Every structure is written in C-alpha cells, then in structure tokens.
C-alpha cells in the first residue's frame, strides 16, 4: 500500500488512519471562520528525522518514538511527545505530510 500524500487523503481512508474530524474543510465555513471545530488527538510514532524550530529559532529533531498529534487549523499540526508531554512542536501540515510520505511519521489510530 502506498503512503497517502496528504491529510485529506489519509482522512478519506477512514478510521485507523485519521478520522473525518480532522478534515477541517467540514468545520470551516466559506468565510474561513471556525464554526464547529473539533480537535481530535491521535496516536502516532516518529520513525525518522522530523525537524522543528525551537523557541529560540534553532532547529531540533523530535525524538524517535510515540507522540500525540492534533490538527488545530487548516495549516498547523501540533505534535506532543515525552513521558509527560514535555515536548511540543507546532508544524505546518505540509511538513508532517512530507514526513509521512517519507515514512518518518506514522499515524497509529
């Protein structure tokens, strides 16, 4: 099975990948105002390099291993990692989609 290339394509594959609640198009009206936005948390795994910018602007890698992911807007995805959720990065959707396509990011539910 080929890896999906974007979040909409992943969401259309149904439960077990990304549920329809992550498809923000159904939650945004024509004026781009949020109307009934539901944020769903999903389990994922970082399996290869995924870079983010730290608060100081330096580049860092999200550690390999389990994480939580939420698409909070049409253009941003939050990734949380660590035993107590101490690591956090807000990444552009395109970065996460590219990581998934390369096999560096895998959604588990």
PDB file of N, CA and C in Angstrom:
ATOM      1  N   UNK A   1       0.839  -1.178   0.000  1.00  0.00           N
ATOM      2  CA  UNK A   1       0.000   0.000   0.000  1.00  0.00           C
ATOM      3  C   UNK A   1       0.884   1.241   0.000  1.00  0.00           C
ATOM      4  N   UNK A   2       0.643   2.168  -0.894  1.00  0.00           N
ATOM      5  CA  UNK A   2       1.400   3.408  -0.948  1.00  0.00           C
ATOM      6  C   UNK A   2       0.967   4.322   0.183  1.00  0.00           C
ATOM      7  N   UNK A   3       1.916   5.082   0.700  1.00  0.00           N
ATOM      8  CA  UNK A   3       1.601   6.030   1.767  1.00  0.00           C
ATOM      9  C   UNK A   3       0.765   7.172   1.214  1.00  0.00           C
ATOM     10  N   UNK A   4      -0.300   7.577   1.926  1.00  0.00           N
ATOM     11  CA  UNK A   4      -1.106   8.715   1.488  1.00  0.00           C
ATOM     12  C   UNK A   4      -0.253   9.967   1.424  1.00  0.00           C
ATOM     13  N   UNK A   5      -0.612  10.867   0.525  1.00  0.00           N
ATOM     14  CA  UNK A   5       0.224  12.046   0.315  1.00  0.00           C
ATOM     15  C   UNK A   5      -0.236  13.271   1.094  1.00  0.00           C
ATOM     16  N   UNK A   6      -1.463  13.286   1.608  1.00  0.00           N
ATOM     17  CA  UNK A   6      -1.895  14.455   2.370  1.00  0.00           C
ATOM     18  C   UNK A   6      -2.949  14.069   3.398  1.00  0.00           C
ATOM     19  N   UNK A   7      -3.234  15.001   4.330  1.00  0.00           N
ATOM     20  CA  UNK A   7      -4.163  14.698   5.413  1.00  0.00           C
ATOM     21  C   UNK A   7      -5.560  14.385   4.905  1.00  0.00           C
ATOM     22  N   UNK A   8      -6.042  15.083   3.865  1.00  0.00           N
ATOM     23  CA  UNK A   8      -7.371  14.782   3.336  1.00  0.00           C
ATOM     24  C   UNK A   8      -7.418  13.363   2.791  1.00  0.00           C
ATOM     25  N   UNK A   9      -6.385  12.963   2.062  1.00  0.00           N
ATOM     26  CA  UNK A   9      -6.340  11.611   1.516  1.00  0.00           C
ATOM     27  C   UNK A   9      -6.297  10.586   2.640  1.00  0.00           C
ATOM     28  N   UNK A  10      -5.520  10.877   3.687  1.00  0.00           N
ATOM     29  CA  UNK A  10      -5.458   9.980   4.838  1.00  0.00           C
ATOM     30  C   UNK A  10      -6.825   9.891   5.504  1.00  0.00           C
ATOM     31  N   UNK A  11      -7.479  11.030   5.708  1.00  0.00           N
ATOM     32  CA  UNK A  11      -8.780  11.053   6.375  1.00  0.00           C
ATOM     33  C   UNK A  11      -9.826  10.279   5.594  1.00  0.00           C
ATOM     34  N   UNK A  12      -9.764  10.310   4.262  1.00  0.00           N
ATOM     35  CA  UNK A  12     -10.743   9.614   3.440  1.00  0.00           C
ATOM     36  C   UNK A  12     -10.587   8.103   3.530  1.00  0.00           C
ATOM     37  N   UNK A  13      -9.454   7.632   4.022  1.00  0.00           N
ATOM     38  CA  UNK A  13      -9.252   6.196   4.148  1.00  0.00           C
ATOM     39  C   UNK A  13      -9.942   5.636   5.382  1.00  0.00           C
ATOM     40  N   UNK A  14     -10.530   6.517   6.172  1.00  0.00           N
ATOM     41  CA  UNK A  14     -11.386   6.064   7.253  1.00  0.00           C
ATOM     42  C   UNK A  14     -10.682   5.864   8.576  1.00  0.00           C
ATOM     43  N   UNK A  15     -11.425   5.283   9.534  1.00  0.00           N
ATOM     44  CA  UNK A  15     -10.895   5.056  10.866  1.00  0.00           C
ATOM     45  C   UNK A  15      -9.622   4.224  10.802  1.00  0.00           C
ATOM     46  N   UNK A  16      -8.753   4.454  11.745  1.00  0.00           N
ATOM     47  CA  UNK A  16      -7.497   3.732  11.772  1.00  0.00           C
ATOM     48  C   UNK A  16      -6.375   4.535  11.147  1.00  0.00           C
ATOM     49  N   UNK A  17      -6.698   5.555  10.382  1.00  0.00           N
ATOM     50  CA  UNK A  17      -5.658   6.421   9.815  1.00  0.00           C
ATOM     51  C   UNK A  17      -5.883   7.805  10.421  1.00  0.00           C
ATOM     52  N   UNK A  18      -6.762   8.574   9.888  1.00  0.00           N
ATOM     53  CA  UNK A  18      -7.235   9.816  10.513  1.00  0.00           C
ATOM     54  C   UNK A  18      -8.738   9.833  10.348  1.00  0.00           C
ATOM     55  N   UNK A  19      -9.465  10.088  11.407  1.00  0.00           N
ATOM     56  CA  UNK A  19     -10.913  10.141  11.297  1.00  0.00           C
ATOM     57  C   UNK A  19     -11.379  11.393  10.591  1.00  0.00           C
ATOM     58  N   UNK A  20     -12.650  11.424  10.199  1.00  0.00           N
ATOM     59  CA  UNK A  20     -13.178  12.572   9.469  1.00  0.00           C
ATOM     60  C   UNK A  20     -13.158  13.865  10.268  1.00  0.00           C
ATOM     61  N   UNK A  21     -13.021  13.795  11.587  1.00  0.00           N
ATOM     62  CA  UNK A  21     -12.988  15.025  12.381  1.00  0.00           C
ATOM     63  C   UNK A  21     -11.750  15.858  12.075  1.00  0.00           C
ATOM     64  N   UNK A  22     -10.693  15.244  11.540  1.00  0.00           N
ATOM     65  CA  UNK A  22      -9.504  16.012  11.192  1.00  0.00           C
ATOM     66  C   UNK A  22      -9.655  16.725   9.860  1.00  0.00           C
ATOM     67  N   UNK A  23     -10.690  16.427   9.122  1.00  0.00           N
ATOM     68  CA  UNK A  23     -10.891  17.082   7.832  1.00  0.00           C
ATOM     69  C   UNK A  23     -11.524  18.438   8.090  1.00  0.00           C
ATOM     70  N   UNK A  24     -10.692  19.426   8.326  1.00  0.00           N
ATOM     71  CA  UNK A  24     -11.175  20.739   8.755  1.00  0.00           C
ATOM     72  C   UNK A  24     -12.068  21.416   7.739  1.00  0.00           C
ATOM     73  N   UNK A  25     -12.023  20.998   6.484  1.00  0.00           N
ATOM     74  CA  UNK A  25     -12.881  21.624   5.485  1.00  0.00           C
ATOM     75  C   UNK A  25     -14.347  21.531   5.892  1.00  0.00           C
ATOM     76  N   UNK A  26     -14.713  20.448   6.581  1.00  0.00           N
ATOM     77  CA  UNK A  26     -16.094  20.302   7.016  1.00  0.00           C
ATOM     78  C   UNK A  26     -16.397  21.174   8.235  1.00  0.00           C
ATOM     79  N   UNK A  27     -15.373  21.738   8.851  1.00  0.00           N
ATOM     80  CA  UNK A  27     -15.551  22.554  10.046  1.00  0.00           C
ATOM     81  C   UNK A  27     -15.322  24.041   9.787  1.00  0.00           C
ATOM     82  N   UNK A  28     -15.040  24.416   8.575  1.00  0.00           N
ATOM     83  CA  UNK A  28     -14.765  25.813   8.259  1.00  0.00           C
ATOM     84  C   UNK A  28     -15.778  26.280   7.226  1.00  0.00           C
ATOM     85  N   UNK A  29     -16.432  27.401   7.498  1.00  0.00           N
ATOM     86  CA  UNK A  29     -17.414  27.884   6.535  1.00  0.00           C
ATOM     87  C   UNK A  29     -16.729  28.660   5.415  1.00  0.00           C
ATOM     88  N   UNK A  30     -17.512  29.163   4.465  1.00  0.00           N
ATOM     89  CA  UNK A  30     -16.950  29.817   3.287  1.00  0.00           C
ATOM     90  C   UNK A  30     -16.160  31.075   3.617  1.00  0.00           C
ATOM     91  N   UNK A  31     -16.402  31.688   4.753  1.00  0.00           N
ATOM     92  CA  UNK A  31     -15.663  32.889   5.139  1.00  0.00           C
ATOM     93  C   UNK A  31     -14.397  32.552   5.908  1.00  0.00           C
ATOM     94  N   UNK A  32     -14.072  31.280   5.997  1.00  0.00           N
ATOM     95  CA  UNK A  32     -12.888  30.811   6.717  1.00  0.00           C
ATOM     96  C   UNK A  32     -12.974  31.072   8.217  1.00  0.00           C
ATOM     97  N   UNK A  33     -14.172  31.201   8.727  1.00  0.00           N
ATOM     98  CA  UNK A  33     -14.367  31.359  10.162  1.00  0.00           C
ATOM     99  C   UNK A  33     -14.663  29.984  10.753  1.00  0.00           C
ATOM    100  N   UNK A  34     -14.082  29.678  11.899  1.00  0.00           N
ATOM    101  CA  UNK A  34     -14.331  28.389  12.531  1.00  0.00           C
ATOM    102  C   UNK A  34     -15.743  28.376  13.102  1.00  0.00           C
ATOM    103  N   UNK A  35     -16.489  27.323  12.791  1.00  0.00           N
ATOM    104  CA  UNK A  35     -17.863  27.246  13.249  1.00  0.00           C
ATOM    105  C   UNK A  35     -18.065  26.140  14.276  1.00  0.00           C
ATOM    106  N   UNK A  36     -17.682  24.942  14.004  1.00  0.00           N
ATOM    107  CA  UNK A  36     -17.905  23.827  14.912  1.00  0.00           C
ATOM    108  C   UNK A  36     -16.661  22.952  14.896  1.00  0.00           C
ATOM    109  N   UNK A  37     -15.527  23.545  15.199  1.00  0.00           N
ATOM    110  CA  UNK A  37     -14.265  22.835  15.074  1.00  0.00           C
ATOM    111  C   UNK A  37     -14.093  21.847  16.212  1.00  0.00           C
ATOM    112  N   UNK A  38     -13.800  20.619  15.853  1.00  0.00           N
ATOM    113  CA  UNK A  38     -13.492  19.578  16.809  1.00  0.00           C
ATOM    114  C   UNK A  38     -12.039  19.190  16.615  1.00  0.00           C
ATOM    115  N   UNK A  39     -11.282  19.222  17.680  1.00  0.00           N
ATOM    116  CA  UNK A  39      -9.890  18.792  17.598  1.00  0.00           C
ATOM    117  C   UNK A  39      -9.818  17.393  18.182  1.00  0.00           C
ATOM    118  N   UNK A  40      -9.289  16.470  17.417  1.00  0.00           N
ATOM    119  CA  UNK A  40      -9.161  15.093  17.842  1.00  0.00           C
ATOM    120  C   UNK A  40      -7.687  14.758  18.009  1.00  0.00           C
ATOM    121  N   UNK A  41      -7.359  14.118  19.102  1.00  0.00           N
ATOM    122  CA  UNK A  41      -5.988  13.697  19.355  1.00  0.00           C
ATOM    123  C   UNK A  41      -5.796  12.283  18.824  1.00  0.00           C
ATOM    124  N   UNK A  42      -4.692  12.079  18.108  1.00  0.00           N
ATOM    125  CA  UNK A  42      -4.367  10.771  17.543  1.00  0.00           C
ATOM    126  C   UNK A  42      -3.004  10.316  18.035  1.00  0.00           C
ATOM    127  N   UNK A  43      -2.852   9.013  18.148  1.00  0.00           N
ATOM    128  CA  UNK A  43      -1.567   8.418  18.482  1.00  0.00           C
ATOM    129  C   UNK A  43      -0.746   8.291  17.210  1.00  0.00           C
ATOM    130  N   UNK A  44       0.528   8.583  17.317  1.00  0.00           N
ATOM    131  CA  UNK A  44       1.414   8.489  16.159  1.00  0.00           C
ATOM    132  C   UNK A  44       2.796   8.072  16.641  1.00  0.00           C
ATOM    133  N   UNK A  45       3.686   7.867  15.688  1.00  0.00           N
ATOM    134  CA  UNK A  45       5.062   7.497  16.007  1.00  0.00           C
ATOM    135  C   UNK A  45       6.001   8.234  15.070  1.00  0.00           C
ATOM    136  N   UNK A  46       7.039   8.814  15.641  1.00  0.00           N
ATOM    137  CA  UNK A  46       8.106   9.417  14.853  1.00  0.00           C
ATOM    138  C   UNK A  46       9.107   8.295  14.577  1.00  0.00           C
ATOM    139  N   UNK A  47       9.335   7.995  13.302  1.00  0.00           N
ATOM    140  CA  UNK A  47      10.206   6.880  12.928  1.00  0.00           C
ATOM    141  C   UNK A  47      11.462   7.328  12.189  1.00  0.00           C
ATOM    142  N   UNK A  48      11.585   8.620  11.969  1.00  0.00           N
ATOM    143  CA  UNK A  48      12.750   9.170  11.281  1.00  0.00           C
ATOM    144  C   UNK A  48      12.838  10.655  11.566  1.00  0.00           C
ATOM    145  N   UNK A  49      13.812  11.327  10.969  1.00  0.00           N
ATOM    146  CA  UNK A  49      14.018  12.746  11.261  1.00  0.00           C
ATOM    147  C   UNK A  49      12.789  13.607  10.972  1.00  0.00           C
ATOM    148  N   UNK A  50      12.395  14.385  11.949  1.00  0.00           N
ATOM    149  CA  UNK A  50      11.325  15.373  11.800  1.00  0.00           C
ATOM    150  C   UNK A  50      11.780  16.613  12.565  1.00  0.00           C
ATOM    151  N   UNK A  51      12.112  17.667  11.832  1.00  0.00           N
ATOM    152  CA  UNK A  51      12.724  18.868  12.387  1.00  0.00           C
ATOM    153  C   UNK A  51      11.675  19.918  12.724  1.00  0.00           C
ATOM    154  N   UNK A  52      11.915  20.642  13.809  1.00  0.00           N
ATOM    155  CA  UNK A  52      11.065  21.767  14.191  1.00  0.00           C
ATOM    156  C   UNK A  52      11.958  22.906  14.667  1.00  0.00           C
ATOM    157  N   UNK A  53      11.410  24.099  14.730  1.00  0.00           N
ATOM    158  CA  UNK A  53      12.148  25.264  15.226  1.00  0.00           C
ATOM    159  C   UNK A  53      11.854  25.443  16.708  1.00  0.00           C
ATOM    160  N   UNK A  54      12.893  25.559  17.519  1.00  0.00           N
ATOM    161  CA  UNK A  54      12.725  25.788  18.952  1.00  0.00           C
ATOM    162  C   UNK A  54      12.309  27.233  19.193  1.00  0.00           C
ATOM    163  N   UNK A  55      11.971  27.537  20.442  1.00  0.00           N
ATOM    164  CA  UNK A  55      11.543  28.897  20.785  1.00  0.00           C
ATOM    165  C   UNK A  55      12.603  29.934  20.432  1.00  0.00           C
ATOM    166  N   UNK A  56      13.872  29.554  20.512  1.00  0.00           N
ATOM    167  CA  UNK A  56      14.955  30.468  20.170  1.00  0.00           C
ATOM    168  C   UNK A  56      15.264  30.517  18.686  1.00  0.00           C
ATOM    169  N   UNK A  57      14.566  29.705  17.897  1.00  0.00           N
ATOM    170  CA  UNK A  57      14.767  29.702  16.456  1.00  0.00           C
ATOM    171  C   UNK A  57      15.721  28.633  15.954  1.00  0.00           C
ATOM    172  N   UNK A  58      16.390  27.928  16.868  1.00  0.00           N
ATOM    173  CA  UNK A  58      17.298  26.854  16.459  1.00  0.00           C
ATOM    174  C   UNK A  58      16.496  25.654  15.964  1.00  0.00           C
ATOM    175  N   UNK A  59      17.091  24.865  15.097  1.00  0.00           N
ATOM    176  CA  UNK A  59      16.442  23.651  14.593  1.00  0.00           C
ATOM    177  C   UNK A  59      16.746  22.486  15.529  1.00  0.00           C
ATOM    178  N   UNK A  60      15.758  21.636  15.750  1.00  0.00           N
ATOM    179  CA  UNK A  60      15.915  20.444  16.580  1.00  0.00           C
ATOM    180  C   UNK A  60      15.072  19.330  15.978  1.00  0.00           C
ATOM    181  N   UNK A  61      15.391  18.086  16.340  1.00  0.00           N
ATOM    182  CA  UNK A  61      14.627  16.932  15.869  1.00  0.00           C
ATOM    183  C   UNK A  61      13.676  16.470  16.965  1.00  0.00           C
ATOM    184  N   UNK A  62      12.465  16.118  16.573  1.00  0.00           N
ATOM    185  CA  UNK A  62      11.545  15.466  17.501  1.00  0.00           C
ATOM    186  C   UNK A  62      12.120  14.075  17.756  1.00  0.00           C
ATOM    187  N   UNK A  63      12.227  13.642  19.014  1.00  0.00           N
ATOM    188  CA  UNK A  63      12.807  12.330  19.303  1.00  0.00           C
ATOM    189  C   UNK A  63      11.999  11.197  18.664  1.00  0.00           C
ATOM    190  N   UNK A  64      12.698  10.145  18.260  1.00  0.00           N
ATOM    191  CA  UNK A  64      12.028   8.967  17.728  1.00  0.00           C
ATOM    192  C   UNK A  64      11.171   8.351  18.823  1.00  0.00           C
ATOM    193  N   UNK A  65      10.002   7.845  18.434  1.00  0.00           N
ATOM    194  CA  UNK A  65       9.134   7.187  19.393  1.00  0.00           C
ATOM    195  C   UNK A  65       7.711   7.692  19.317  1.00  0.00           C
ATOM    196  N   UNK A  66       6.906   7.322  20.310  1.00  0.00           N
ATOM    197  CA  UNK A  66       5.487   7.674  20.298  1.00  0.00           C
ATOM    198  C   UNK A  66       5.259   9.164  20.516  1.00  0.00           C
ATOM    199  N   UNK A  67       4.131   9.634  19.969  1.00  0.00           N
ATOM    200  CA  UNK A  67       3.734  11.032  20.148  1.00  0.00           C
ATOM    201  C   UNK A  67       2.223  11.125  19.973  1.00  0.00           C
ATOM    202  N   UNK A  68       1.695  12.284  20.288  1.00  0.00           N
ATOM    203  CA  UNK A  68       0.295  12.598  20.032  1.00  0.00           C
ATOM    204  C   UNK A  68       0.265  13.673  18.967  1.00  0.00           C
ATOM    205  N   UNK A  69      -0.783  13.669  18.141  1.00  0.00           N
ATOM    206  CA  UNK A  69      -0.880  14.652  17.065  1.00  0.00           C
ATOM    207  C   UNK A  69      -2.302  15.194  16.993  1.00  0.00           C
ATOM    208  N   UNK A  70      -2.408  16.504  16.774  1.00  0.00           N
ATOM    209  CA  UNK A  70      -3.701  17.176  16.598  1.00  0.00           C
ATOM    210  C   UNK A  70      -3.568  18.168  15.459  1.00  0.00           C
ATOM    211  N   UNK A  71      -4.502  18.148  14.523  1.00  0.00           N
ATOM    212  CA  UNK A  71      -4.528  19.197  13.506  1.00  0.00           C
ATOM    213  C   UNK A  71      -5.415  20.295  14.060  1.00  0.00           C
ATOM    214  N   UNK A  72      -4.811  21.437  14.392  1.00  0.00           N
ATOM    215  CA  UNK A  72      -5.529  22.507  15.080  1.00  0.00           C
ATOM    216  C   UNK A  72      -6.039  23.587  14.144  1.00  0.00           C
ATOM    217  N   UNK A  73      -5.573  23.598  12.918  1.00  0.00           N
ATOM    218  CA  UNK A  73      -6.077  24.531  11.912  1.00  0.00           C
ATOM    219  C   UNK A  73      -5.816  23.923  10.545  1.00  0.00           C
ATOM    220  N   UNK A  74      -6.245  24.607   9.520  1.00  0.00           N
ATOM    221  CA  UNK A  74      -6.034  24.098   8.170  1.00  0.00           C
ATOM    222  C   UNK A  74      -4.555  24.023   7.817  1.00  0.00           C
ATOM    223  N   UNK A  75      -3.719  24.767   8.531  1.00  0.00           N
ATOM    224  CA  UNK A  75      -2.307  24.807   8.159  1.00  0.00           C
ATOM    225  C   UNK A  75      -1.343  24.349   9.254  1.00  0.00           C
ATOM    226  N   UNK A  76      -1.833  24.044  10.463  1.00  0.00           N
ATOM    227  CA  UNK A  76      -0.946  23.677  11.569  1.00  0.00           C
ATOM    228  C   UNK A  76      -1.323  22.363  12.226  1.00  0.00           C
ATOM    229  N   UNK A  77      -0.288  21.610  12.596  1.00  0.00           N
ATOM    230  CA  UNK A  77      -0.435  20.359  13.327  1.00  0.00           C
ATOM    231  C   UNK A  77       0.412  20.469  14.589  1.00  0.00           C
ATOM    232  N   UNK A  78      -0.164  20.132  15.734  1.00  0.00           N
ATOM    233  CA  UNK A  78       0.589  20.079  16.987  1.00  0.00           C
ATOM    234  C   UNK A  78       1.060  18.654  17.208  1.00  0.00           C
ATOM    235  N   UNK A  79       2.330  18.499  17.574  1.00  0.00           N
ATOM    236  CA  UNK A  79       2.882  17.194  17.928  1.00  0.00           C
ATOM    237  C   UNK A  79       3.419  17.307  19.345  1.00  0.00           C
ATOM    238  N   UNK A  80       3.020  16.361  20.206  1.00  0.00           N
ATOM    239  CA  UNK A  80       3.415  16.348  21.615  1.00  0.00           C
ATOM    240  C   UNK A  80       4.104  15.020  21.893  1.00  0.00           C
ATOM    241  N   UNK A  81       5.247  15.059  22.575  1.00  0.00           N
ATOM    242  CA  UNK A  81       5.979  13.840  22.879  1.00  0.00           C
ATOM    243  C   UNK A  81       6.541  13.914  24.294  1.00  0.00           C
ATOM    244  N   UNK A  82       7.062  12.795  24.760  1.00  0.00           N
ATOM    245  CA  UNK A  82       7.666  12.709  26.092  1.00  0.00           C
ATOM    246  C   UNK A  82       6.749  12.000  27.064  1.00  0.00           C
ATOM    247  N   UNK A  83       7.337  11.491  28.115  1.00  0.00           N
ATOM    248  CA  UNK A  83       6.595  10.734  29.122  1.00  0.00           C
ATOM    249  C   UNK A  83       5.419  11.517  29.676  1.00  0.00           C
ATOM    250  N   UNK A  84       5.628  12.797  29.923  1.00  0.00           N
ATOM    251  CA  UNK A  84       4.576  13.648  30.476  1.00  0.00           C
ATOM    252  C   UNK A  84       4.171  14.755  29.522  1.00  0.00           C
ATOM    253  N   UNK A  85       4.423  14.568  28.242  1.00  0.00           N
ATOM    254  CA  UNK A  85       4.061  15.575  27.257  1.00  0.00           C
ATOM    255  C   UNK A  85       4.918  16.819  27.326  1.00  0.00           C
ATOM    256  N   UNK A  86       6.169  16.659  27.770  1.00  0.00           N
ATOM    257  CA  UNK A  86       7.028  17.832  27.938  1.00  0.00           C
ATOM    258  C   UNK A  86       7.558  18.406  26.628  1.00  0.00           C
ATOM    259  N   UNK A  87       7.500  17.649  25.544  1.00  0.00           N
ATOM    260  CA  UNK A  87       7.944  18.165  24.253  1.00  0.00           C
ATOM    261  C   UNK A  87       6.756  18.556  23.389  1.00  0.00           C
ATOM    262  N   UNK A  88       6.889  19.672  22.685  1.00  0.00           N
ATOM    263  CA  UNK A  88       5.782  20.168  21.879  1.00  0.00           C
ATOM    264  C   UNK A  88       6.322  20.919  20.677  1.00  0.00           C
ATOM    265  N   UNK A  89       5.698  20.703  19.527  1.00  0.00           N
ATOM    266  CA  UNK A  89       6.048  21.476  18.330  1.00  0.00           C
ATOM    267  C   UNK A  89       4.794  21.697  17.503  1.00  0.00           C
ATOM    268  N   UNK A  90       4.653  22.900  16.987  1.00  0.00           N
ATOM    269  CA  UNK A  90       3.592  23.219  16.032  1.00  0.00           C
ATOM    270  C   UNK A  90       4.249  23.245  14.658  1.00  0.00           C
ATOM    271  N   UNK A  91       3.795  22.364  13.776  1.00  0.00           N
ATOM    272  CA  UNK A  91       4.403  22.231  12.452  1.00  0.00           C
ATOM    273  C   UNK A  91       3.387  22.505  11.359  1.00  0.00           C
ATOM    274  N   UNK A  92       3.843  23.041  10.243  1.00  0.00           N
ATOM    275  CA  UNK A  92       2.948  23.184   9.095  1.00  0.00           C
ATOM    276  C   UNK A  92       2.481  21.807   8.616  1.00  0.00           C
ATOM    277  N   UNK A  93       1.244  21.722   8.183  1.00  0.00           N
ATOM    278  CA  UNK A  93       0.682  20.466   7.686  1.00  0.00           C
ATOM    279  C   UNK A  93       1.586  19.866   6.615  1.00  0.00           C
ATOM    280  N   UNK A  94       2.129  20.718   5.738  1.00  0.00           N
ATOM    281  CA  UNK A  94       2.958  20.229   4.636  1.00  0.00           C
ATOM    282  C   UNK A  94       4.191  19.479   5.139  1.00  0.00           C
ATOM    283  N   UNK A  95       4.769  19.925   6.249  1.00  0.00           N
ATOM    284  CA  UNK A  95       5.947  19.270   6.815  1.00  0.00           C
ATOM    285  C   UNK A  95       5.583  17.877   7.322  1.00  0.00           C
ATOM    286  N   UNK A  96       4.444  17.770   8.007  1.00  0.00           N
ATOM    287  CA  UNK A  96       4.006  16.481   8.540  1.00  0.00           C
ATOM    288  C   UNK A  96       3.618  15.541   7.401  1.00  0.00           C
ATOM    289  N   UNK A  97       2.946  16.067   6.376  1.00  0.00           N
ATOM    290  CA  UNK A  97       2.592  15.246   5.216  1.00  0.00           C
ATOM    291  C   UNK A  97       3.843  14.707   4.532  1.00  0.00           C
ATOM    292  N   UNK A  98       4.863  15.541   4.383  1.00  0.00           N
ATOM    293  CA  UNK A  98       6.115  15.109   3.753  1.00  0.00           C
ATOM    294  C   UNK A  98       6.797  14.036   4.601  1.00  0.00           C
ATOM    295  N   UNK A  99       6.785  14.206   5.926  1.00  0.00           N
ATOM    296  CA  UNK A  99       7.380  13.211   6.817  1.00  0.00           C
ATOM    297  C   UNK A  99       6.637  11.883   6.718  1.00  0.00           C
ATOM    298  N   UNK A 100       5.303  11.935   6.622  1.00  0.00           N
ATOM    299  CA  UNK A 100       4.512  10.709   6.473  1.00  0.00           C
ATOM    300  C   UNK A 100       4.833  10.020   5.148  1.00  0.00           C
ATOM    301  N   UNK A 101       4.953  10.794   4.102  1.00  0.00           N
ATOM    302  CA  UNK A 101       5.257  10.231   2.783  1.00  0.00           C
ATOM    303  C   UNK A 101       6.635   9.565   2.778  1.00  0.00           C
ATOM    304  N   UNK A 102       7.585  10.137   3.513  1.00  0.00           N
ATOM    305  CA  UNK A 102       8.936   9.582   3.599  1.00  0.00           C
ATOM    306  C   UNK A 102       9.030   8.425   4.592  1.00  0.00           C
ATOM    307  N   UNK A 103       7.954   8.180   5.341  1.00  0.00           N
ATOM    308  CA  UNK A 103       7.965   7.109   6.334  1.00  0.00           C
ATOM    309  C   UNK A 103       8.536   7.528   7.677  1.00  0.00           C
ATOM    310  N   UNK A 104       8.720   8.831   7.893  1.00  0.00           N
ATOM    311  CA  UNK A 104       9.283   9.324   9.150  1.00  0.00           C
ATOM    312  C   UNK A 104       8.226   9.639  10.203  1.00  0.00           C
ATOM    313  N   UNK A 105       6.961   9.576   9.821  1.00  0.00           N
ATOM    314  CA  UNK A 105       5.838   9.877  10.708  1.00  0.00           C
ATOM    315  C   UNK A 105       4.719   8.908  10.359  1.00  0.00           C
ATOM    316  N   UNK A 106       4.227   8.167  11.363  1.00  0.00           N
ATOM    317  CA  UNK A 106       3.195   7.155  11.121  1.00  0.00           C
ATOM    318  C   UNK A 106       2.052   7.356  12.109  1.00  0.00           C
ATOM    319  N   UNK A 107       0.840   7.508  11.590  1.00  0.00           N
ATOM    320  CA  UNK A 107      -0.340   7.570  12.454  1.00  0.00           C
ATOM    321  C   UNK A 107      -0.719   6.153  12.849  1.00  0.00           C
ATOM    322  N   UNK A 108      -1.037   5.960  14.123  1.00  0.00           N
ATOM    323  CA  UNK A 108      -1.340   4.626  14.633  1.00  0.00           C
ATOM    324  C   UNK A 108      -2.826   4.370  14.813  1.00  0.00           C
ATOM    325  N   UNK A 109      -3.635   5.412  14.910  1.00  0.00           N
ATOM    326  CA  UNK A 109      -5.089   5.212  15.045  1.00  0.00           C
ATOM    327  C   UNK A 109      -5.839   6.182  14.177  1.00  0.00           C
TER     328      UNK A 109
END
